[in-house]
Amino acid sequence: MKVKPLNDRVLVKRIEEVQVTKGGIVIPDTAKEKPIEGRVVSVGPGKMSEQGQRMALQVKAGDKVLFNKYAGMEIKVEGEEHLMMREDDLLAIIED
């Protein structure tokens, strides 16, 4: 199943955080918070301007991004958790 976001929406897959601390302590599932970093899977064509033209998005598929903890709507695509959010919900592009 392919999902193509509309307008200025972005499909993001969360990047799982490390399960073990530097000191070797394993963090249990109950103590972990949801990651706020993800990888852009696909993007929509962009928002329409007042003049009726498409405004291109600043992110593209494959970008590593930072987003708000409560941003987006969780959906399942092919059995995997993803987030569908607006480009405005993204805080930054993380350069590797």
Protein backbone atom coordinates (compact mmCIF):
# COMPACT_ATOMS: atom_id res chain seq x y z
CA MET A 1 0.00 0.00 0.00
CA LYS A 2 1.40 3.38 -1.00
CA VAL A 3 0.39 6.55 0.82
CA LYS A 4 0.77 9.89 -0.97
CA PRO A 5 0.12 12.86 1.36
CA LEU A 6 -2.01 15.75 0.09
CA ASN A 7 -1.14 19.46 0.09
CA ASP A 8 1.46 20.36 2.75
CA ARG A 9 1.27 17.06 4.64
CA VAL A 10 4.28 14.83 5.33
CA LEU A 11 4.46 11.10 6.18
CA VAL A 12 7.15 10.45 8.81
CA LYS A 13 8.45 7.20 10.32
CA ARG A 14 9.76 7.60 13.87
CA ILE A 15 13.40 6.72 14.48
CA GLU A 16 13.61 4.44 17.50
CA GLU A 17 15.92 5.62 20.24
CA VAL A 18 18.75 3.56 21.74
CA GLN A 19 17.48 0.99 24.24
CA VAL A 20 20.65 1.04 26.40
CA THR A 21 22.33 4.04 28.10
CA LYS A 22 26.06 4.73 27.78
CA GLY A 23 26.57 3.13 31.19
CA GLY A 24 24.95 -0.09 29.97
CA ILE A 25 21.61 0.35 31.73
CA VAL A 26 18.68 -1.06 29.76
CA ILE A 27 15.71 1.32 29.66
CA PRO A 28 12.38 -0.51 30.14
CA ASP A 29 9.48 0.15 27.73
CA THR A 30 7.43 1.79 30.49
CA ALA A 31 10.09 4.47 31.08
CA LYS A 32 10.69 5.35 27.43
CA GLU A 33 9.19 8.39 25.76
CA LYS A 34 8.15 8.44 22.13
CA PRO A 35 10.98 9.57 19.86
CA ILE A 36 10.80 13.11 18.45
CA GLU A 37 13.04 12.35 15.47
CA GLY A 38 11.95 10.68 12.29
CA ARG A 39 12.66 10.04 8.63
CA VAL A 40 10.40 11.56 5.96
CA VAL A 41 8.83 8.77 3.90
CA SER A 42 6.81 10.89 1.45
CA VAL A 43 5.58 14.45 1.00
CA GLY A 44 2.61 16.13 -0.61
CA PRO A 45 2.84 18.56 -3.56
CA GLY A 46 2.67 21.66 -1.34
CA LYS A 47 0.20 24.23 -0.05
CA MET A 48 -1.75 26.46 -2.43
CA SER A 49 -0.91 30.16 -2.24
CA GLU A 50 -3.51 32.91 -2.36
CA GLN A 51 -2.63 33.40 -6.04
CA GLY A 52 -3.47 29.72 -6.77
CA GLN A 53 0.10 28.46 -7.18
CA ARG A 54 1.71 25.53 -5.33
CA MET A 55 4.35 26.43 -2.75
CA ALA A 56 6.99 23.69 -2.65
CA LEU A 57 7.80 22.02 0.67
CA GLN A 58 11.20 22.49 2.33
CA VAL A 59 11.53 18.78 3.19
CA LYS A 60 11.84 15.82 0.87
CA ALA A 61 11.65 12.05 1.22
CA GLY A 62 14.66 10.71 3.12
CA ASP A 63 15.24 13.83 5.28
CA LYS A 64 15.81 13.28 9.00
CA VAL A 65 13.53 15.67 10.91
CA LEU A 66 12.76 16.85 14.42
CA PHE A 67 9.14 17.34 15.47
CA ASN A 68 7.01 18.14 18.50
CA LYS A 69 6.24 15.21 20.83
CA TYR A 70 2.48 15.49 20.19
CA ALA A 71 2.61 16.41 16.50
CA GLY A 72 0.77 14.54 13.80
CA MET A 73 -1.71 11.72 13.62
CA GLU A 74 -0.54 8.14 14.07
CA ILE A 75 -1.42 5.77 11.22
CA LYS A 76 -0.34 2.25 10.25
CA VAL A 77 1.11 1.66 6.80
CA GLU A 78 1.84 -1.98 5.95
CA GLY A 79 1.76 -2.84 9.66
CA GLU A 80 4.29 -0.15 10.69
CA GLU A 81 3.57 2.98 12.76
CA HIS A 82 3.90 6.30 10.91
CA LEU A 83 2.92 9.91 11.59
CA MET A 84 0.98 12.08 9.16
CA MET A 85 1.58 15.77 9.91
CA ARG A 86 1.67 19.18 8.30
CA GLU A 87 5.01 20.65 7.32
CA ASP A 88 4.37 23.39 9.92
CA ASP A 89 4.57 20.71 12.67
CA LEU A 90 8.19 19.97 11.75
CA LEU A 91 10.74 21.90 13.81
CA ALA A 92 13.99 21.24 11.95
CA ILE A 93 15.85 19.15 9.39
CA ILE A 94 18.70 17.22 11.02
CA GLU A 95 21.81 16.99 8.86
CA ASP A 96 23.73 13.73 9.24
